[in-house]
Amino acid sequence: MKIDPTVKKETIYVCVVTLILSMLMESVFLILRQWHLTVLFGNLVGAGTGILNFFLLGLSVQKAVKNEETRAKEILRASHALRYALMVILVLIAILIPSVFNMWATLISLLFATIAVYTRAIFNKKDKKTGTASAPAAADNADNGGDGEE
């Protein structure tokens, strides 16, 4: 399956924001003199899982929009279950092996992709106010009736 350019673009955005937040979190651990290699490994697992979850969501939506409604719902439901299971398994591994993964770094960095999505939504609202719409804002607008008014 070919990856849609919007999925690529938004995943890159999530990666960049996650990287920035990861560096900030690592700095906080350093400043608090709590940094160990386990913090880095936890950060990598949590951030990587969040980014992978977002990317797989994008692929699922891309696949679902090409199908009829009932099939699309099945695709999204199955995707949600698999992505959730993946997150639970990876987080459990990180928590159960504290000698390798810092639990807090793992859990905090898992949220970075979600924070990236919400910051993107804030920027899209600013784009709507100035009259320019990014691809996700335009898609959201089409889902809401398409007249541009909220």
C-alpha atoms as a PDB file:
ATOM      1  CA  MET A   1       0.000   0.000   0.000  1.00  0.00           C
ATOM      2  CA  LYS A   2       1.287   3.452  -0.901  1.00  0.00           C
ATOM      3  CA  ILE A   3       1.501   5.853   2.024  1.00  0.00           C
ATOM      4  CA  ASP A   4      -0.610   8.973   1.556  1.00  0.00           C
ATOM      5  CA  PRO A   5       1.424  12.233   1.568  1.00  0.00           C
ATOM      6  CA  THR A   6      -0.751  13.628   4.371  1.00  0.00           C
ATOM      7  CA  VAL A   7       0.033  10.611   6.551  1.00  0.00           C
ATOM      8  CA  LYS A   8       3.748  11.133   5.875  1.00  0.00           C
ATOM      9  CA  LYS A   9       3.563  14.869   6.567  1.00  0.00           C
ATOM     10  CA  GLU A  10       1.624  14.523   9.814  1.00  0.00           C
ATOM     11  CA  THR A  11       3.816  11.652  11.031  1.00  0.00           C
ATOM     12  CA  ILE A  12       6.924  13.765  10.415  1.00  0.00           C
ATOM     13  CA  TYR A  13       5.301  16.588  12.394  1.00  0.00           C
ATOM     14  CA  VAL A  14       4.568  14.187  15.276  1.00  0.00           C
ATOM     15  CA  CYS A  15       8.169  12.909  15.110  1.00  0.00           C
ATOM     16  CA  VAL A  16       9.624  16.420  15.291  1.00  0.00           C
ATOM     17  CA  VAL A  17       7.440  17.496  18.223  1.00  0.00           C
ATOM     18  CA  THR A  18       8.141  14.207  20.003  1.00  0.00           C
ATOM     19  CA  LEU A  19      11.888  14.669  19.492  1.00  0.00           C
ATOM     20  CA  ILE A  20      11.753  18.191  20.925  1.00  0.00           C
ATOM     21  CA  LEU A  21       9.718  17.081  23.934  1.00  0.00           C
ATOM     22  CA  SER A  22      12.009  14.070  24.436  1.00  0.00           C
ATOM     23  CA  MET A  23      15.069  16.312  24.547  1.00  0.00           C
ATOM     24  CA  LEU A  24      13.293  18.574  27.021  1.00  0.00           C
ATOM     25  CA  MET A  25      12.389  15.611  29.241  1.00  0.00           C
ATOM     26  CA  GLU A  26      15.947  14.243  29.105  1.00  0.00           C
ATOM     27  CA  SER A  27      17.180  17.701  30.142  1.00  0.00           C
ATOM     28  CA  VAL A  28      14.830  17.769  33.115  1.00  0.00           C
ATOM     29  CA  PHE A  29      16.104  14.359  34.260  1.00  0.00           C
ATOM     30  CA  LEU A  30      19.659  15.683  33.880  1.00  0.00           C
ATOM     31  CA  ILE A  31      18.943  18.868  35.836  1.00  0.00           C
ATOM     32  CA  LEU A  32      17.308  16.850  38.625  1.00  0.00           C
ATOM     33  CA  ARG A  33      20.341  14.537  38.630  1.00  0.00           C
ATOM     34  CA  GLN A  34      18.050  11.561  37.979  1.00  0.00           C
ATOM     35  CA  TRP A  35      19.326  10.729  34.514  1.00  0.00           C
ATOM     36  CA  HIS A  36      20.462   7.173  33.870  1.00  0.00           C
ATOM     37  CA  LEU A  37      20.683   5.166  30.686  1.00  0.00           C
ATOM     38  CA  THR A  38      17.315   3.675  31.651  1.00  0.00           C
ATOM     39  CA  VAL A  39      15.759   7.114  31.115  1.00  0.00           C
ATOM     40  CA  LEU A  40      17.020   7.168  27.539  1.00  0.00           C
ATOM     41  CA  PHE A  41      15.780   3.631  26.855  1.00  0.00           C
ATOM     42  CA  GLY A  42      12.384   4.397  28.421  1.00  0.00           C
ATOM     43  CA  ASN A  43      12.159   7.566  26.380  1.00  0.00           C
ATOM     44  CA  LEU A  44      12.962   5.672  23.183  1.00  0.00           C
ATOM     45  CA  VAL A  45      10.357   2.996  23.874  1.00  0.00           C
ATOM     46  CA  GLY A  46       7.622   5.427  24.897  1.00  0.00           C
ATOM     47  CA  ALA A  47       8.212   7.960  22.146  1.00  0.00           C
ATOM     48  CA  GLY A  48       8.693   5.257  19.528  1.00  0.00           C
ATOM     49  CA  THR A  49       5.465   3.553  20.570  1.00  0.00           C
ATOM     50  CA  GLY A  50       3.556   6.843  20.416  1.00  0.00           C
ATOM     51  CA  ILE A  51       4.877   7.659  16.948  1.00  0.00           C
ATOM     52  CA  LEU A  52       4.237   4.131  15.685  1.00  0.00           C
ATOM     53  CA  ASN A  53       0.715   4.255  17.098  1.00  0.00           C
ATOM     54  CA  PHE A  54       0.045   7.528  15.261  1.00  0.00           C
ATOM     55  CA  PHE A  55       1.498   6.220  12.000  1.00  0.00           C
ATOM     56  CA  LEU A  56      -0.548   3.016  12.166  1.00  0.00           C
ATOM     57  CA  LEU A  57      -3.655   5.092  12.869  1.00  0.00           C
ATOM     58  CA  GLY A  58      -2.953   7.149   9.757  1.00  0.00           C
ATOM     59  CA  LEU A  59      -2.545   4.003   7.650  1.00  0.00           C
ATOM     60  CA  SER A  60      -5.785   2.591   9.041  1.00  0.00           C
ATOM     61  CA  VAL A  61      -7.733   5.735   8.236  1.00  0.00           C
ATOM     62  CA  GLN A  62      -6.161   5.822   4.768  1.00  0.00           C
ATOM     63  CA  LYS A  63      -7.298   2.239   4.189  1.00  0.00           C
ATOM     64  CA  ALA A  64     -10.743   2.792   5.727  1.00  0.00           C
ATOM     65  CA  VAL A  65     -11.694   5.758   3.545  1.00  0.00           C
ATOM     66  CA  LYS A  66     -11.295   3.575   0.466  1.00  0.00           C
ATOM     67  CA  ASN A  67     -13.938   1.099   1.707  1.00  0.00           C
ATOM     68  CA  GLU A  68     -17.667   1.118   2.323  1.00  0.00           C
ATOM     69  CA  GLU A  69     -18.896   2.276   5.713  1.00  0.00           C
ATOM     70  CA  THR A  70     -19.345  -1.092   7.435  1.00  0.00           C
ATOM     71  CA  ARG A  71     -15.961  -2.362   6.222  1.00  0.00           C
ATOM     72  CA  ALA A  72     -14.338   0.944   7.220  1.00  0.00           C
ATOM     73  CA  LYS A  73     -15.722   0.597  10.755  1.00  0.00           C
ATOM     74  CA  GLU A  74     -14.347  -2.945  10.966  1.00  0.00           C
ATOM     75  CA  ILE A  75     -10.922  -1.785   9.792  1.00  0.00           C
ATOM     76  CA  LEU A  76     -10.803   1.033  12.328  1.00  0.00           C
ATOM     77  CA  ARG A  77     -12.084  -1.163  15.160  1.00  0.00           C
ATOM     78  CA  ALA A  78      -9.468  -3.841  14.454  1.00  0.00           C
ATOM     79  CA  SER A  79      -6.756  -1.205  14.106  1.00  0.00           C
ATOM     80  CA  HIS A  80      -7.704   0.334  17.428  1.00  0.00           C
ATOM     81  CA  ALA A  81      -7.561  -3.027  19.204  1.00  0.00           C
ATOM     82  CA  LEU A  82      -4.179  -3.930  17.702  1.00  0.00           C
ATOM     83  CA  ARG A  83      -2.632  -0.524  18.356  1.00  0.00           C
ATOM     84  CA  TYR A  84      -3.901  -0.523  21.939  1.00  0.00           C
ATOM     85  CA  ALA A  85      -2.559  -4.043  22.517  1.00  0.00           C
ATOM     86  CA  LEU A  86       0.826  -2.995  21.110  1.00  0.00           C
ATOM     87  CA  MET A  87       0.981  -0.032  23.476  1.00  0.00           C
ATOM     88  CA  VAL A  88       0.000  -2.123  26.489  1.00  0.00           C
ATOM     89  CA  ILE A  89       2.582  -4.821  25.697  1.00  0.00           C
ATOM     90  CA  LEU A  90       5.420  -2.350  25.154  1.00  0.00           C
ATOM     91  CA  VAL A  91       4.569  -0.351  28.272  1.00  0.00           C
ATOM     92  CA  LEU A  92       4.302  -3.534  30.366  1.00  0.00           C
ATOM     93  CA  ILE A  93       7.701  -4.650  29.126  1.00  0.00           C
ATOM     94  CA  ALA A  94       9.149  -1.265  30.052  1.00  0.00           C
ATOM     95  CA  ILE A  95       7.562  -1.364  33.506  1.00  0.00           C
ATOM     96  CA  LEU A  96       8.473  -4.986  34.231  1.00  0.00           C
ATOM     97  CA  ILE A  97      12.148  -4.492  33.354  1.00  0.00           C
ATOM     98  CA  PRO A  98      13.138  -1.456  35.457  1.00  0.00           C
ATOM     99  CA  SER A  99      16.827  -2.307  35.112  1.00  0.00           C
ATOM    100  CA  VAL A 100      16.552  -1.399  31.412  1.00  0.00           C
ATOM    101  CA  PHE A 101      13.651   1.087  31.160  1.00  0.00           C
ATOM    102  CA  ASN A 102      12.738   3.990  33.428  1.00  0.00           C
ATOM    103  CA  MET A 103       8.981   3.699  33.990  1.00  0.00           C
ATOM    104  CA  TRP A 104       8.359   7.432  34.257  1.00  0.00           C
ATOM    105  CA  ALA A 105      10.367   8.284  31.165  1.00  0.00           C
ATOM    106  CA  THR A 106       8.452   5.595  29.265  1.00  0.00           C
ATOM    107  CA  LEU A 107       5.016   6.767  30.376  1.00  0.00           C
ATOM    108  CA  ILE A 108       5.726  10.475  29.950  1.00  0.00           C
ATOM    109  CA  SER A 109       7.239  10.095  26.489  1.00  0.00           C
ATOM    110  CA  LEU A 110       4.312   7.937  25.405  1.00  0.00           C
ATOM    111  CA  LEU A 111       2.189  11.081  25.735  1.00  0.00           C
ATOM    112  CA  PHE A 112       4.387  13.179  23.429  1.00  0.00           C
ATOM    113  CA  ALA A 113       2.661  12.042  20.224  1.00  0.00           C
ATOM    114  CA  THR A 114      -0.705  12.970  21.733  1.00  0.00           C
ATOM    115  CA  ILE A 115       0.639  16.388  22.692  1.00  0.00           C
ATOM    116  CA  ALA A 116       1.881  16.807  19.116  1.00  0.00           C
ATOM    117  CA  VAL A 117      -1.582  16.018  17.748  1.00  0.00           C
ATOM    118  CA  TYR A 118      -3.194  18.576  20.043  1.00  0.00           C
ATOM    119  CA  THR A 119      -0.642  21.275  19.194  1.00  0.00           C
ATOM    120  CA  ARG A 120      -1.303  20.575  15.507  1.00  0.00           C
ATOM    121  CA  ALA A 121      -5.004  21.149  16.142  1.00  0.00           C
ATOM    122  CA  ILE A 122      -4.203  24.512  17.732  1.00  0.00           C
ATOM    123  CA  PHE A 123      -2.138  25.541  14.705  1.00  0.00           C
ATOM    124  CA  ASN A 124      -4.915  24.409  12.357  1.00  0.00           C
ATOM    125  CA  LYS A 125      -7.409  26.647  14.158  1.00  0.00           C
ATOM    126  CA  LYS A 126      -5.019  29.574  13.680  1.00  0.00           C
ATOM    127  CA  ASP A 127      -4.802  28.681   9.965  1.00  0.00           C
ATOM    128  CA  LYS A 128      -8.605  28.768   9.710  1.00  0.00           C
ATOM    129  CA  LYS A 129      -8.698  32.240  11.249  1.00  0.00           C
ATOM    130  CA  THR A 130      -6.172  33.583   8.738  1.00  0.00           C
ATOM    131  CA  GLY A 131      -7.998  31.943   5.844  1.00  0.00           C
ATOM    132  CA  THR A 132      -5.370  29.327   5.025  1.00  0.00           C
ATOM    133  CA  ALA A 133      -6.105  25.714   5.786  1.00  0.00           C
ATOM    134  CA  SER A 134      -3.639  22.922   6.122  1.00  0.00           C
ATOM    135  CA  ALA A 135      -4.555  19.492   4.776  1.00  0.00           C
ATOM    136  CA  PRO A 136      -5.902  18.123   8.100  1.00  0.00           C
ATOM    137  CA  ALA A 137      -7.943  21.275   8.672  1.00  0.00           C
ATOM    138  CA  ALA A 138      -9.386  21.043   5.178  1.00  0.00           C
ATOM    139  CA  ALA A 139     -10.273  17.378   5.730  1.00  0.00           C
ATOM    140  CA  ASP A 140     -11.867  18.203   9.075  1.00  0.00           C
ATOM    141  CA  ASN A 141     -13.803  21.009   7.423  1.00  0.00           C
ATOM    142  CA  ALA A 142     -15.094  18.618   4.757  1.00  0.00           C
ATOM    143  CA  ASP A 143     -16.234  16.210   7.488  1.00  0.00           C
ATOM    144  CA  ASN A 144     -18.153  18.991   9.254  1.00  0.00           C
ATOM    145  CA  GLY A 145     -20.222  20.092   6.277  1.00  0.00           C
ATOM    146  CA  GLY A 146     -17.654  21.952   4.228  1.00  0.00           C
ATOM    147  CA  ASP A 147     -18.810  25.567   4.522  1.00  0.00           C
ATOM    148  CA  GLY A 148     -15.864  26.673   6.650  1.00  0.00           C
ATOM    149  CA  GLU A 149     -18.050  28.047   9.448  1.00  0.00           C
ATOM    150  CA  GLU A 150     -18.096  26.521  12.914  1.00  0.00           C
END
